[in-house]
Amino acid sequence: MHIFGSLGRRILQMVATVILVTLLMFGLMHLLPGDPALMLLGDRATDQMITQMHHEMGLDRSLGVQFWEYLSHTARLQMGDSITMRVPVISLIRDRLPVTLMLTAMAAVIAVVIAVPLAFVAALRRGGWVDGAIRMLSQISLSMPVFYIGLVLLIGLAAGLHWFPVGGIGKNFWQDLYYLFLPALTLALSLSAVLLRNLREAVIETLQAEYVGFAVAKGLRWRLVLSRHVLRNAWISTITLLGLNIGSLVGGAVVTETVFAIPGLGRLMIDSIFARDYAVVQGLTIVLAVMVSLVFLIVDAMQTWLDPRAGA
């Protein structure tokens, strides 16, 4: 029962986090210079037109009233209309959310696929030239910014060799996999380096544990020992690290979607910030906060499954 109690506490923490993030972003957006009504109407707008637009947008009310109305409407998935595009915010998010989810999921999967085998090879050949080469490559990947990695891959593999498209998305699921592979690889390289270094140390530490030596002494096959005893226990800390870096992965998607011209939430966020489109920015903030909080919740559940003591 303590597992369900822990899950309930984490759900309450998630709700509180989303509300707090919403309040913070609401305040920051209203502290930014510029008047959205003036940007919408143009430089030739009169004071009467600006006042009328403020009334229509609800900007003439107190900040407390604006925030409470926005919070109550958001709870009913009524996030208002975009100031610049004149369409419901929820429809904009609904259209672009699958692209960002697919990009983030692909990046996480690619990062794990890269990190796990390399971490095992480096740990099993600790101190050798293979271990040194893998660690050097991971350090280089960590040292380069995401936008620089994206530009290098874009120029080399897309514009140069024409192996991948230079931007955009496809017309169906399989084309999307092809179009999003290069942006996902851009995000995955930095994340895989972080996971690799953590998993390597965890594997080395686990290999020195007594229960691993006991399993070998019983005559279990080495492959079974690695999969059942070493990976299961070494993976716990890496799962936590993966969950903590999902927020950075989503943040990196903002830059990556801009570099590769991907119509996802990240690019929509950048465009809305420059346009002072409060409704869209606040709606995106809510969605991204919920996404990251759900990932943390999933990570906690996986930790409890791998190590029941974590849910105590």
Protein backbone atom coordinates (compact mmCIF):
# COMPACT_ATOMS: atom_id res chain seq x y z
CA MET A 1 0.00 0.00 0.00
CA HIS A 2 2.94 2.33 0.60
CA ILE A 3 3.56 2.32 -3.17
CA PHE A 4 0.09 3.76 -3.86
CA GLY A 5 0.56 6.32 -1.08
CA SER A 6 3.87 7.40 -2.60
CA LEU A 7 2.23 7.63 -6.04
CA GLY A 8 -0.57 9.79 -4.63
CA ARG A 9 1.94 12.16 -3.01
CA ARG A 10 3.81 12.51 -6.27
CA ILE A 11 0.59 13.30 -8.15
CA LEU A 12 -0.18 16.06 -5.65
CA GLN A 13 3.36 17.39 -6.09
CA MET A 14 2.84 17.34 -9.86
CA VAL A 15 -0.36 19.39 -9.58
CA ALA A 16 1.33 21.90 -7.25
CA THR A 17 4.30 22.16 -9.61
CA VAL A 18 2.10 22.88 -12.61
CA ILE A 19 0.21 25.61 -10.74
CA LEU A 20 3.45 27.18 -9.49
CA VAL A 21 5.03 27.13 -12.96
CA THR A 22 1.89 28.70 -14.39
CA LEU A 23 1.97 31.48 -11.81
CA LEU A 24 5.66 32.13 -12.45
CA MET A 25 5.31 32.28 -16.23
CA PHE A 26 2.16 34.40 -15.97
CA GLY A 27 4.08 36.98 -13.95
CA LEU A 28 7.16 36.91 -16.19
CA MET A 29 5.14 37.33 -19.37
CA HIS A 30 3.45 40.43 -17.99
CA LEU A 31 6.81 41.89 -16.95
CA LEU A 32 8.15 41.70 -20.50
CA PRO A 33 8.32 45.04 -22.35
CA GLY A 34 5.85 45.65 -25.12
CA ASP A 35 2.10 45.85 -25.46
CA PRO A 36 0.42 42.91 -27.23
CA ALA A 37 -2.53 45.12 -28.20
CA LEU A 38 -0.20 47.64 -29.84
CA MET A 39 1.69 44.88 -31.65
CA LEU A 40 -1.57 43.46 -32.90
CA LEU A 41 -3.05 46.77 -34.04
CA GLY A 42 0.11 48.32 -35.41
CA ASP A 43 1.78 51.71 -34.99
CA ARG A 44 -1.23 53.60 -36.35
CA ALA A 45 -3.51 52.46 -33.54
CA THR A 46 -5.24 55.20 -31.57
CA ASP A 47 -5.58 55.28 -27.80
CA GLN A 48 -9.25 54.40 -28.11
CA MET A 49 -8.46 51.35 -30.25
CA ILE A 50 -5.79 50.21 -27.80
CA THR A 51 -8.18 50.65 -24.85
CA GLN A 52 -10.87 48.66 -26.66
CA MET A 53 -8.40 45.88 -27.48
CA HIS A 54 -7.23 45.76 -23.84
CA HIS A 55 -10.86 45.29 -22.79
CA GLU A 56 -11.45 42.52 -25.34
CA MET A 57 -8.28 40.71 -24.26
CA GLY A 58 -9.01 41.17 -20.57
CA LEU A 59 -5.81 43.12 -19.99
CA ASP A 60 -7.65 45.95 -18.24
CA ARG A 61 -8.45 43.70 -15.28
CA SER A 62 -6.24 43.12 -12.26
CA LEU A 63 -3.48 40.52 -12.52
CA GLY A 64 -5.13 38.42 -9.83
CA VAL A 65 -8.40 38.26 -11.75
CA GLN A 66 -6.57 37.52 -15.00
CA PHE A 67 -4.61 34.68 -13.41
CA TRP A 68 -7.63 33.12 -11.71
CA GLU A 69 -9.68 33.26 -14.90
CA TYR A 70 -6.82 31.76 -16.88
CA LEU A 71 -6.31 28.98 -14.30
CA SER A 72 -10.00 28.07 -14.21
CA HIS A 73 -10.28 28.13 -18.01
CA THR A 74 -7.13 26.01 -18.36
CA ALA A 75 -8.57 23.39 -16.03
CA ARG A 76 -11.42 23.09 -18.55
CA LEU A 77 -8.93 23.09 -21.46
CA GLN A 78 -10.17 26.54 -22.48
CA MET A 79 -6.89 28.39 -23.04
CA GLY A 80 -8.31 31.23 -25.08
CA ASP A 81 -7.41 32.31 -28.59
CA SER A 82 -4.05 33.20 -30.07
CA ILE A 83 -3.62 36.94 -30.34
CA THR A 84 -1.74 36.80 -33.63
CA MET A 85 -3.24 33.73 -35.35
CA ARG A 86 -6.83 34.18 -34.15
CA VAL A 87 -7.37 30.46 -33.52
CA PRO A 88 -7.93 28.57 -30.25
CA VAL A 89 -4.70 27.85 -28.38
CA ILE A 90 -5.78 24.30 -27.63
CA SER A 91 -6.07 23.57 -31.37
CA LEU A 92 -2.55 24.91 -32.00
CA ILE A 93 -1.17 22.71 -29.24
CA ARG A 94 -3.18 19.68 -30.37
CA ASP A 95 -1.80 19.99 -33.91
CA ARG A 96 1.84 20.38 -32.88
CA LEU A 97 2.06 18.27 -29.74
CA PRO A 98 2.41 14.89 -31.56
CA VAL A 99 5.46 16.18 -33.46
CA THR A 100 7.27 17.26 -30.29
CA LEU A 101 6.29 14.08 -28.44
CA MET A 102 7.58 11.96 -31.31
CA LEU A 103 10.82 13.94 -31.53
CA THR A 104 11.44 13.71 -27.78
CA ALA A 105 10.60 10.00 -27.62
CA MET A 106 12.88 9.24 -30.59
CA ALA A 107 15.71 11.21 -28.99
CA ALA A 108 15.34 9.33 -25.70
CA VAL A 109 15.28 5.94 -27.44
CA ILE A 110 18.31 6.76 -29.60
CA ALA A 111 20.20 8.03 -26.54
CA VAL A 112 19.52 4.77 -24.67
CA VAL A 113 20.44 2.65 -27.69
CA ILE A 114 23.76 4.50 -27.98
CA ALA A 115 24.57 4.70 -24.26
CA VAL A 116 23.80 1.18 -23.00
CA PRO A 117 26.09 -0.92 -25.25
CA LEU A 118 28.91 1.63 -25.16
CA ALA A 119 28.71 1.88 -21.36
CA PHE A 120 28.95 -1.90 -21.02
CA VAL A 121 31.90 -2.08 -23.44
CA ALA A 122 33.70 0.73 -21.60
CA ALA A 123 33.02 -0.83 -18.18
CA LEU A 124 34.10 -4.33 -19.19
CA ARG A 125 37.30 -2.91 -20.75
CA ARG A 126 37.98 -0.45 -17.99
CA GLY A 127 41.31 1.32 -18.35
CA GLY A 128 41.93 0.10 -21.90
CA TRP A 129 42.15 2.09 -25.11
CA VAL A 130 38.55 1.24 -26.00
CA ASP A 131 37.35 2.68 -22.69
CA GLY A 132 39.46 5.79 -23.25
CA ALA A 133 38.16 6.29 -26.78
CA ILE A 134 34.52 5.96 -25.69
CA ARG A 135 34.99 8.40 -22.82
CA MET A 136 36.75 10.89 -25.12
CA LEU A 137 33.92 10.77 -27.65
CA SER A 138 31.35 11.28 -24.90
CA GLN A 139 33.30 14.28 -23.61
CA ILE A 140 33.39 15.82 -27.09
CA SER A 141 29.63 15.29 -27.43
CA LEU A 142 29.03 16.96 -24.06
CA SER A 143 31.22 19.93 -24.96
CA MET A 144 29.28 20.91 -28.10
CA PRO A 145 26.02 22.91 -27.87
CA VAL A 146 22.87 21.35 -29.28
CA PHE A 147 22.45 23.97 -32.01
CA TYR A 148 26.04 23.42 -33.19
CA ILE A 149 25.56 19.65 -33.37
CA GLY A 150 22.37 20.24 -35.32
CA LEU A 151 24.07 22.55 -37.81
CA VAL A 152 26.96 20.10 -38.33
CA LEU A 153 24.57 17.19 -38.97
CA LEU A 154 22.35 19.37 -41.14
CA ILE A 155 25.24 20.55 -43.33
CA GLY A 156 27.03 17.21 -43.46
CA LEU A 157 24.32 14.54 -43.69
CA ALA A 158 21.39 16.52 -45.12
CA ALA A 159 22.74 19.31 -47.33
CA GLY A 160 26.02 17.58 -48.15
CA LEU A 161 25.34 13.85 -48.56
CA HIS A 162 21.55 14.19 -49.04
CA TRP A 163 20.89 11.22 -46.75
CA PHE A 164 18.18 13.09 -44.85
CA PRO A 165 15.85 16.02 -45.57
CA VAL A 166 17.01 19.45 -44.46
CA GLY A 167 13.84 20.16 -42.50
CA GLY A 168 10.11 19.79 -42.06
CA ILE A 169 8.09 16.64 -41.40
CA GLY A 170 6.55 13.91 -43.53
CA LYS A 171 2.99 13.12 -44.52
CA ASN A 172 2.59 9.93 -42.49
CA PHE A 173 4.11 8.09 -39.52
CA TRP A 174 6.92 6.38 -41.43
CA GLN A 175 7.91 9.56 -43.24
CA ASP A 176 7.91 11.36 -39.91
CA LEU A 177 10.39 8.79 -38.57
CA TYR A 178 12.66 9.54 -41.51
CA TYR A 179 12.31 13.32 -41.30
CA LEU A 180 12.76 13.45 -37.51
CA PHE A 181 15.69 11.05 -37.25
CA LEU A 182 18.37 13.71 -37.74
CA PRO A 183 16.83 16.20 -35.26
CA ALA A 184 16.33 13.35 -32.77
CA LEU A 185 19.96 12.29 -33.20
CA THR A 186 20.98 15.89 -32.52
CA LEU A 187 19.19 15.81 -29.17
CA ALA A 188 20.29 12.26 -28.39
CA LEU A 189 24.05 12.77 -28.71
CA SER A 190 24.40 15.03 -25.68
CA LEU A 191 21.95 12.98 -23.61
CA SER A 192 23.63 9.70 -24.53
CA ALA A 193 26.98 11.06 -23.32
CA VAL A 194 25.48 11.87 -19.91
CA LEU A 195 23.79 8.48 -19.64
CA LEU A 196 26.92 6.67 -20.84
CA ARG A 197 29.17 8.14 -18.18
CA ASN A 198 26.67 7.45 -15.41
CA LEU A 199 25.89 3.91 -16.54
CA ARG A 200 29.57 3.06 -16.97
CA GLU A 201 30.31 3.97 -13.36
CA ALA A 202 27.21 2.11 -12.16
CA VAL A 203 28.18 -1.04 -14.10
CA ILE A 204 31.73 -0.95 -12.72
CA GLU A 205 30.39 -0.60 -9.18
CA THR A 206 27.82 -3.36 -9.67
CA LEU A 207 30.38 -5.77 -11.13
CA GLN A 208 32.29 -5.52 -7.85
CA ALA A 209 29.24 -6.42 -5.74
CA GLU A 210 29.17 -9.69 -3.81
CA TYR A 211 25.93 -10.96 -5.35
CA VAL A 212 27.47 -10.73 -8.83
CA GLY A 213 30.43 -12.80 -7.71
CA PHE A 214 28.05 -15.29 -6.08
CA ALA A 215 26.05 -15.57 -9.31
CA VAL A 216 29.22 -16.29 -11.27
CA ALA A 217 30.31 -18.85 -8.67
CA LYS A 218 26.98 -20.65 -9.09
CA GLY A 219 27.85 -21.23 -12.71
CA LEU A 220 25.36 -18.84 -14.33
CA ARG A 221 26.17 -17.82 -17.86
CA TRP A 222 27.97 -14.49 -18.10
CA ARG A 223 25.32 -13.05 -20.43
CA LEU A 224 22.61 -13.93 -17.90
CA VAL A 225 24.61 -12.37 -15.07
CA LEU A 226 24.99 -9.15 -17.05
CA SER A 227 21.33 -8.90 -18.02
CA ARG A 228 19.65 -10.10 -14.81
CA HIS A 229 22.00 -8.85 -12.09
CA VAL A 230 24.27 -6.15 -13.47
CA LEU A 231 22.00 -4.23 -15.86
CA ARG A 232 18.91 -4.36 -13.63
CA ASN A 233 20.75 -2.84 -10.66
CA ALA A 234 23.02 -0.45 -12.58
CA TRP A 235 20.06 0.87 -14.59
CA ILE A 236 18.29 2.36 -11.54
CA SER A 237 20.45 5.48 -11.26
CA THR A 238 20.52 5.90 -15.04
CA ILE A 239 16.70 5.82 -15.17
CA THR A 240 16.65 8.65 -12.64
CA LEU A 241 19.19 10.62 -14.66
CA LEU A 242 17.18 10.06 -17.85
CA GLY A 243 14.06 11.41 -16.18
CA LEU A 244 15.89 14.46 -14.85
CA ASN A 245 17.23 15.23 -18.33
CA ILE A 246 13.85 15.03 -20.05
CA GLY A 247 13.33 18.69 -19.19
CA SER A 248 16.62 19.54 -20.90
CA LEU A 249 15.57 17.36 -23.82
CA VAL A 250 12.36 19.36 -24.23
CA GLY A 251 14.36 22.59 -23.92
CA GLY A 252 16.76 21.35 -26.57
CA ALA A 253 13.82 20.56 -28.80
CA VAL A 254 13.02 24.29 -28.89
CA VAL A 255 16.38 25.00 -30.55
CA THR A 256 16.36 21.84 -32.68
CA GLU A 257 12.89 22.49 -34.07
CA THR A 258 14.02 25.98 -35.05
CA VAL A 259 17.20 24.73 -36.77
CA PHE A 260 15.38 21.99 -38.70
CA ALA A 261 12.18 24.01 -39.34
CA ILE A 262 9.99 21.47 -37.53
CA PRO A 263 6.43 22.65 -36.76
CA GLY A 264 6.42 21.52 -33.14
CA LEU A 265 5.75 23.09 -29.75
CA GLY A 266 9.29 24.45 -29.45
CA ARG A 267 9.12 26.50 -32.62
CA LEU A 268 5.64 27.66 -31.69
CA MET A 269 6.98 28.80 -28.32
CA ILE A 270 9.75 30.89 -29.91
CA ASP A 271 7.37 32.52 -32.40
CA SER A 272 4.81 33.26 -29.68
CA ILE A 273 7.38 34.83 -27.35
CA PHE A 274 8.57 37.22 -30.07
CA ALA A 275 4.95 38.07 -30.93
CA ARG A 276 4.03 38.66 -27.23
CA ASP A 277 1.24 36.12 -27.69
CA TYR A 278 0.49 35.62 -23.98
CA ALA A 279 -2.24 33.03 -24.42
CA VAL A 280 -0.10 30.69 -26.52
CA VAL A 281 3.00 31.03 -24.31
CA GLN A 282 1.02 30.32 -21.15
CA GLY A 283 -0.76 27.37 -22.75
CA LEU A 284 2.53 25.90 -23.96
CA THR A 285 4.06 26.39 -20.52
CA ILE A 286 1.24 24.39 -18.95
CA VAL A 287 1.59 21.57 -21.49
CA LEU A 288 5.39 21.36 -21.15
CA ALA A 289 5.16 21.41 -17.35
CA VAL A 290 2.62 18.58 -17.43
CA MET A 291 4.80 16.61 -19.87
CA VAL A 292 7.89 16.86 -17.67
CA SER A 293 5.91 16.10 -14.51
CA LEU A 294 4.39 13.00 -16.12
CA VAL A 295 7.86 11.81 -17.10
CA PHE A 296 9.01 12.20 -13.48
CA LEU A 297 5.97 10.21 -12.38
CA ILE A 298 6.79 7.42 -14.86
CA VAL A 299 10.42 7.42 -13.72
CA ASP A 300 9.33 7.09 -10.09
CA ALA A 301 7.12 4.14 -11.02
CA MET A 302 9.96 2.46 -12.91
CA GLN A 303 12.30 3.00 -9.96
CA THR A 304 9.79 1.36 -7.66
CA TRP A 305 9.49 -1.58 -10.05
CA LEU A 306 13.25 -2.01 -10.33
CA ASP A 307 13.89 -1.38 -6.63
CA PRO A 308 10.83 -1.73 -4.35
CA ARG A 309 12.74 0.05 -1.57
CA ALA A 310 12.50 3.29 -3.60
CA GLY A 311 8.74 3.45 -3.03
CA ALA A 312 9.05 3.16 0.73
